[in-house]
Amino acid sequence: MSAEDPKLDPQLDPKPDDAEIRRRQKGRAIVMGVLLGLFVILVYAITIAKMSVNR
């Protein structure tokens, strides 16, 4: 194996610490929550629109 193998040289393969991992997870969770909320609003609006057309 060469000296450039990331498993042998920790400087070539820096692992993010727990705080960085949690920060990224929180960011992704917020984005997914917003997208889910927008989807729910869209489905609600479509449902109301379809109900008003059938009257």
C-alpha atoms as a PDB file:
ATOM      1  CA  MET A   1       0.000   0.000   0.000  1.00  0.00           C
ATOM      2  CA  SER A   2       1.197   3.487  -0.757  1.00  0.00           C
ATOM      3  CA  ALA A   3       1.629   6.386   1.652  1.00  0.00           C
ATOM      4  CA  GLU A   4      -1.341   8.071  -0.044  1.00  0.00           C
ATOM      5  CA  ASP A   5      -3.753   5.427   1.221  1.00  0.00           C
ATOM      6  CA  PRO A   6      -6.429   7.327   3.215  1.00  0.00           C
ATOM      7  CA  LYS A   7      -6.657   4.469   5.718  1.00  0.00           C
ATOM      8  CA  LEU A   8      -3.015   4.954   6.656  1.00  0.00           C
ATOM      9  CA  ASP A   9      -2.801   8.764   6.616  1.00  0.00           C
ATOM     10  CA  PRO A  10      -5.478  10.502   8.715  1.00  0.00           C
ATOM     11  CA  GLN A  11      -4.706  13.882   7.109  1.00  0.00           C
ATOM     12  CA  LEU A  12      -5.906  12.609   3.733  1.00  0.00           C
ATOM     13  CA  ASP A  13      -9.165  11.273   5.179  1.00  0.00           C
ATOM     14  CA  PRO A  14     -10.341  13.727   7.834  1.00  0.00           C
ATOM     15  CA  LYS A  15     -13.424  12.482   9.614  1.00  0.00           C
ATOM     16  CA  PRO A  16     -15.913  15.144  10.664  1.00  0.00           C
ATOM     17  CA  ASP A  17     -16.522  15.361  14.380  1.00  0.00           C
ATOM     18  CA  ASP A  18     -19.884  14.614  15.970  1.00  0.00           C
ATOM     19  CA  ALA A  19     -20.890  18.288  16.100  1.00  0.00           C
ATOM     20  CA  GLU A  20     -20.408  18.637  12.346  1.00  0.00           C
ATOM     21  CA  ILE A  21     -22.387  15.466  11.658  1.00  0.00           C
ATOM     22  CA  ARG A  22     -25.243  16.633  13.904  1.00  0.00           C
ATOM     23  CA  ARG A  23     -25.247  20.062  12.233  1.00  0.00           C
ATOM     24  CA  ARG A  24     -25.598  18.475   8.796  1.00  0.00           C
ATOM     25  CA  GLN A  25     -28.318  16.111  10.008  1.00  0.00           C
ATOM     26  CA  LYS A  26     -30.240  19.010  11.536  1.00  0.00           C
ATOM     27  CA  GLY A  27     -30.007  20.971   8.295  1.00  0.00           C
ATOM     28  CA  ARG A  28     -31.296  18.025   6.288  1.00  0.00           C
ATOM     29  CA  ALA A  29     -34.100  17.422   8.775  1.00  0.00           C
ATOM     30  CA  ILE A  30     -35.216  21.057   8.530  1.00  0.00           C
ATOM     31  CA  VAL A  31     -35.249  20.911   4.722  1.00  0.00           C
ATOM     32  CA  MET A  32     -37.234  17.657   4.740  1.00  0.00           C
ATOM     33  CA  GLY A  33     -39.704  19.119   7.252  1.00  0.00           C
ATOM     34  CA  VAL A  34     -40.276  22.192   5.087  1.00  0.00           C
ATOM     35  CA  LEU A  35     -40.731  20.044   1.976  1.00  0.00           C
ATOM     36  CA  LEU A  36     -43.203  17.793   3.784  1.00  0.00           C
ATOM     37  CA  GLY A  37     -45.150  20.829   4.998  1.00  0.00           C
ATOM     38  CA  LEU A  38     -45.292  22.253   1.468  1.00  0.00           C
ATOM     39  CA  PHE A  39     -46.501  18.904   0.129  1.00  0.00           C
ATOM     40  CA  VAL A  40     -49.293  18.796   2.725  1.00  0.00           C
ATOM     41  CA  ILE A  41     -50.362  22.343   1.806  1.00  0.00           C
ATOM     42  CA  LEU A  42     -50.339  21.411  -1.887  1.00  0.00           C
ATOM     43  CA  VAL A  43     -52.500  18.324  -1.337  1.00  0.00           C
ATOM     44  CA  TYR A  44     -54.915  20.365   0.810  1.00  0.00           C
ATOM     45  CA  ALA A  45     -55.177  23.097  -1.839  1.00  0.00           C
ATOM     46  CA  ILE A  46     -55.799  20.560  -4.617  1.00  0.00           C
ATOM     47  CA  THR A  47     -58.473  18.867  -2.519  1.00  0.00           C
ATOM     48  CA  ILE A  48     -60.265  22.170  -1.842  1.00  0.00           C
ATOM     49  CA  ALA A  49     -60.047  23.117  -5.524  1.00  0.00           C
ATOM     50  CA  LYS A  50     -61.531  19.786  -6.624  1.00  0.00           C
ATOM     51  CA  MET A  51     -64.346  20.055  -4.084  1.00  0.00           C
ATOM     52  CA  SER A  52     -65.263  23.552  -5.266  1.00  0.00           C
ATOM     53  CA  VAL A  53     -65.377  22.484  -8.938  1.00  0.00           C
ATOM     54  CA  ASN A  54     -67.879  19.679  -8.205  1.00  0.00           C
ATOM     55  CA  ARG A  55     -70.453  21.993  -6.599  1.00  0.00           C
END
